[in-house]
C-alpha atoms as a PDB file:
ATOM      1  CA  MET A   1      17.180 -16.801  14.689  1.00  0.00           C
ATOM      2  CA  ASN A   2      18.437 -13.859  14.190  1.00  0.00           C
ATOM      3  CA  LYS A   3      18.011 -10.750  16.552  1.00  0.00           C
ATOM      4  CA  GLY A   4      15.773  -9.111  15.245  1.00  0.00           C
ATOM      5  CA  GLN A   5      13.124 -12.082  14.940  1.00  0.00           C
ATOM      6  CA  GLU A   6      13.892 -12.540  18.555  1.00  0.00           C
ATOM      7  CA  THR A   7      13.056  -9.866  19.092  1.00  0.00           C
ATOM      8  CA  LYS A   8       9.291 -10.095  16.810  1.00  0.00           C
ATOM      9  CA  ALA A   9       9.225 -13.057  18.382  1.00  0.00           C
ATOM     10  CA  LEU A  10       8.974 -11.713  21.692  1.00  0.00           C
ATOM     11  CA  LEU A  11       7.037  -8.676  21.876  1.00  0.00           C
ATOM     12  CA  CYS A  12       4.161 -11.194  19.951  1.00  0.00           C
ATOM     13  CA  GLU A  13       4.445 -12.953  23.054  1.00  0.00           C
ATOM     14  CA  LYS A  14       4.617 -10.053  25.129  1.00  0.00           C
ATOM     15  CA  ILE A  15       1.198  -8.763  22.850  1.00  0.00           C
ATOM     16  CA  ARG A  16      -0.012 -12.460  23.152  1.00  0.00           C
ATOM     17  CA  THR A  17       0.505 -12.295  27.419  1.00  0.00           C
ATOM     18  CA  MET A  18      -1.523  -8.532  27.767  1.00  0.00           C
ATOM     19  CA  LEU A  19      -4.584  -9.484  25.708  1.00  0.00           C
ATOM     20  CA  ASP A  20      -4.973 -12.760  27.496  1.00  0.00           C
ATOM     21  CA  GLN A  21      -4.856 -10.344  31.080  1.00  0.00           C
ATOM     22  CA  LYS A  22      -7.532  -7.511  29.382  1.00  0.00           C
ATOM     23  CA  GLU A  23      -9.542 -10.685  27.879  1.00  0.00           C
ATOM     24  CA  GLU A  24     -10.103 -12.027  31.739  1.00  0.00           C
ATOM     25  CA  GLU A  25     -10.051  -8.717  33.207  1.00  0.00           C
ATOM     26  CA  THR A  26     -12.856  -8.124  29.963  1.00  0.00           C
ATOM     27  CA  GLY A  27     -14.637 -11.263  31.000  1.00  0.00           C
ATOM     28  CA  LEU A  28     -15.101 -10.887  34.676  1.00  0.00           C
ATOM     29  CA  ALA A  29     -16.674  -7.769  34.223  1.00  0.00           C
ATOM     30  CA  ILE A  30     -19.286  -8.929  31.931  1.00  0.00           C
ATOM     31  CA  ILE A  31     -20.359 -11.393  34.721  1.00  0.00           C
ATOM     32  CA  SER A  32     -20.150  -9.038  36.836  1.00  0.00           C
ATOM     33  CA  ILE A  33     -22.914  -6.778  35.223  1.00  0.00           C
ATOM     34  CA  LYS A  34     -24.880  -9.521  34.221  1.00  0.00           C
ATOM     35  CA  GLU A  35     -25.350 -10.798  37.813  1.00  0.00           C
ATOM     36  CA  SER A  36     -25.698  -6.984  38.907  1.00  0.00           C
ATOM     37  CA  ARG A  37     -28.146  -7.401  35.773  1.00  0.00           C
ATOM     38  CA  ASP A  38     -30.201  -9.862  36.968  1.00  0.00           C
ATOM     39  CA  ASN A  39     -29.992 -10.222  39.998  1.00  0.00           C
ATOM     40  CA  ASP A  40     -31.239  -5.901  40.055  1.00  0.00           C
ATOM     41  CA  VAL A  41     -35.387  -6.341  41.211  1.00  0.00           C
ATOM     42  CA  LYS A  42     -37.252  -3.765  39.881  1.00  0.00           C
ATOM     43  CA  SER A  43     -38.390  -1.078  42.330  1.00  0.00           C
ATOM     44  CA  SER A  44     -41.243   0.844  43.096  1.00  0.00           C
ATOM     45  CA  ALA A  45     -39.980   3.037  40.900  1.00  0.00           C
ATOM     46  CA  GLY A  46     -40.044   1.808  37.024  1.00  0.00           C
ATOM     47  CA  ASP A  47     -39.112   4.439  35.006  1.00  0.00           C
ATOM     48  CA  LYS A  48     -35.337   4.207  37.925  1.00  0.00           C
ATOM     49  CA  HIS A  49     -35.504   1.191  37.118  1.00  0.00           C
ATOM     50  CA  GLU A  50     -35.754   0.761  33.478  1.00  0.00           C
ATOM     51  CA  THR A  51     -32.936   4.007  32.891  1.00  0.00           C
ATOM     52  CA  THR A  52     -30.168   1.652  35.233  1.00  0.00           C
ATOM     53  CA  ARG A  53     -31.271  -1.334  33.105  1.00  0.00           C
ATOM     54  CA  ALA A  54     -30.460   0.290  29.887  1.00  0.00           C
ATOM     55  CA  MET A  55     -27.270   1.972  31.832  1.00  0.00           C
ATOM     56  CA  VAL A  56     -26.114  -1.976  32.074  1.00  0.00           C
ATOM     57  CA  GLN A  57     -27.009  -3.250  28.761  1.00  0.00           C
ATOM     58  CA  ILE A  58     -25.237  -0.105  27.226  1.00  0.00           C
ATOM     59  CA  GLU A  59     -22.117  -0.708  29.610  1.00  0.00           C
ATOM     60  CA  LEU A  60     -23.209  -4.545  29.064  1.00  0.00           C
ATOM     61  CA  ASP A  61     -22.525  -3.674  24.641  1.00  0.00           C
ATOM     62  CA  LYS A  62     -19.642  -2.259  25.127  1.00  0.00           C
ATOM     63  CA  LEU A  63     -18.060  -4.317  27.314  1.00  0.00           C
ATOM     64  CA  GLU A  64     -18.938  -7.053  24.271  1.00  0.00           C
ATOM     65  CA  VAL A  65     -17.420  -5.233  21.645  1.00  0.00           C
ATOM     66  CA  GLN A  66     -14.080  -4.737  23.565  1.00  0.00           C
ATOM     67  CA  LEU A  67     -13.580  -8.068  24.107  1.00  0.00           C
ATOM     68  CA  SER A  68     -14.537  -9.050  19.859  1.00  0.00           C
ATOM     69  CA  LYS A  69     -11.645  -6.723  19.593  1.00  0.00           C
ATOM     70  CA  ILE A  70      -9.301  -8.045  21.877  1.00  0.00           C
ATOM     71  CA  ASN A  71     -10.257 -11.964  19.782  1.00  0.00           C
ATOM     72  CA  ALA A  72      -9.191  -9.764  16.538  1.00  0.00           C
ATOM     73  CA  ASN A  73      -6.585  -8.853  17.520  1.00  0.00           C
ATOM     74  CA  ARG A  74      -5.015 -12.221  19.007  1.00  0.00           C
ATOM     75  CA  ASP A  75      -5.732 -13.456  15.175  1.00  0.00           C
ATOM     76  CA  ILE A  76      -4.029 -10.592  13.739  1.00  0.00           C
ATOM     77  CA  ILE A  77      -0.909 -11.359  16.481  1.00  0.00           C
ATOM     78  CA  ALA A  78      -1.091 -14.986  15.140  1.00  0.00           C
ATOM     79  CA  ARG A  79      -0.957 -14.519  11.570  1.00  0.00           C
ATOM     80  CA  ILE A  80       1.973 -12.763  12.162  1.00  0.00           C
ATOM     81  CA  ASN A  81       5.483 -15.170  10.922  1.00  0.00           C
ATOM     82  CA  LYS A  82       8.161 -14.284  13.233  1.00  0.00           C
ATOM     83  CA  GLN A  83      10.617 -15.857  10.817  1.00  0.00           C
ATOM     84  CA  ARG A  84       9.912 -13.037   8.418  1.00  0.00           C
ATOM     85  CA  GLN A  85      12.426 -10.394   7.152  1.00  0.00           C
ATOM     86  CA  TYR A  86      10.961  -7.117   4.902  1.00  0.00           C
ATOM     87  CA  GLN A  87      13.855  -4.617   4.096  1.00  0.00           C
ATOM     88  CA  LYS A  88      11.054  -2.151   4.037  1.00  0.00           C
ATOM     89  CA  VAL A  89       7.714  -1.451   6.432  1.00  0.00           C
ATOM     90  CA  VAL A  90       4.698  -2.819   3.943  1.00  0.00           C
ATOM     91  CA  PRO A  91       0.922  -2.237   4.483  1.00  0.00           C
ATOM     92  CA  ILE A  92      -0.758  -4.419   6.624  1.00  0.00           C
ATOM     93  CA  ALA A  93      -2.981  -5.500   3.592  1.00  0.00           C
ATOM     94  CA  ILE A  94       0.116  -6.822   2.463  1.00  0.00           C
ATOM     95  CA  GLY A  95       1.868  -8.676   5.361  1.00  0.00           C
ATOM     96  CA  ILE A  96       1.671  -7.459   8.591  1.00  0.00           C
ATOM     97  CA  GLY A  97       4.789  -7.797  11.857  1.00  0.00           C
ATOM     98  CA  SER A  98       7.116  -5.028  10.317  1.00  0.00           C
ATOM     99  CA  LEU A  99      10.134  -5.220  12.615  1.00  0.00           C
ATOM    100  CA  VAL A 100      11.142  -1.094  12.365  1.00  0.00           C
ATOM    101  CA  ILE A 101      14.905  -0.481  13.821  1.00  0.00           C
ATOM    102  CA  THR A 102      16.121   2.415  14.453  1.00  0.00           C
ATOM    103  CA  ASN A 103      18.720   4.706  16.436  1.00  0.00           C
ATOM    104  CA  ARG A 104      15.630   6.375  17.628  1.00  0.00           C
ATOM    105  CA  GLY A 105      13.422   3.942  18.801  1.00  0.00           C
ATOM    106  CA  ASN A 106      11.979   0.234  17.663  1.00  0.00           C
ATOM    107  CA  TYR A 107       9.122   0.291  16.093  1.00  0.00           C
ATOM    108  CA  PHE A 108       6.882  -3.201  15.360  1.00  0.00           C
ATOM    109  CA  ILE A 109       4.159  -2.038  13.388  1.00  0.00           C
ATOM    110  CA  SER A 110       1.228  -5.007  14.462  1.00  0.00           C
ATOM    111  CA  ILE A 111      -1.718  -3.928  16.479  1.00  0.00           C
ATOM    112  CA  GLY A 112      -2.130  -1.154  17.929  1.00  0.00           C
ATOM    113  CA  ILE A 113      -1.421  -1.677  21.930  1.00  0.00           C
ATOM    114  CA  GLY A 114       0.986   1.151  22.175  1.00  0.00           C
ATOM    115  CA  LYS A 115       4.387   1.350  23.690  1.00  0.00           C
ATOM    116  CA  LEU A 116       6.268  -1.605  25.191  1.00  0.00           C
ATOM    117  CA  GLU A 117       9.368  -3.132  26.612  1.00  0.00           C
ATOM    118  CA  ILE A 118      11.096  -5.938  26.389  1.00  0.00           C
END
């Protein structure tokens, strides 16, 4: 395995670890919100109670969308061929996982996750 392949494998592993952590945090937040919603006792202020439940549902929906995106990103990372080398950056539709090494920095073309250091 050459240096580019090793770097690509390390990046994929680090990204998977980050996605696992985000999935765990999101899952715990979903559980917490569901428990809060289910344990909420209806107060005499009915409109306030309904508004609170609606806000909780909106937050729950946002977290479920985040969880869906995390799983989609995990699928993208799993499809990356760590052995394949490209001579130029290829569009994601053709092949994901280009590793671009320059004198100003290295770039891994995959999912939008931000800056990583390995």
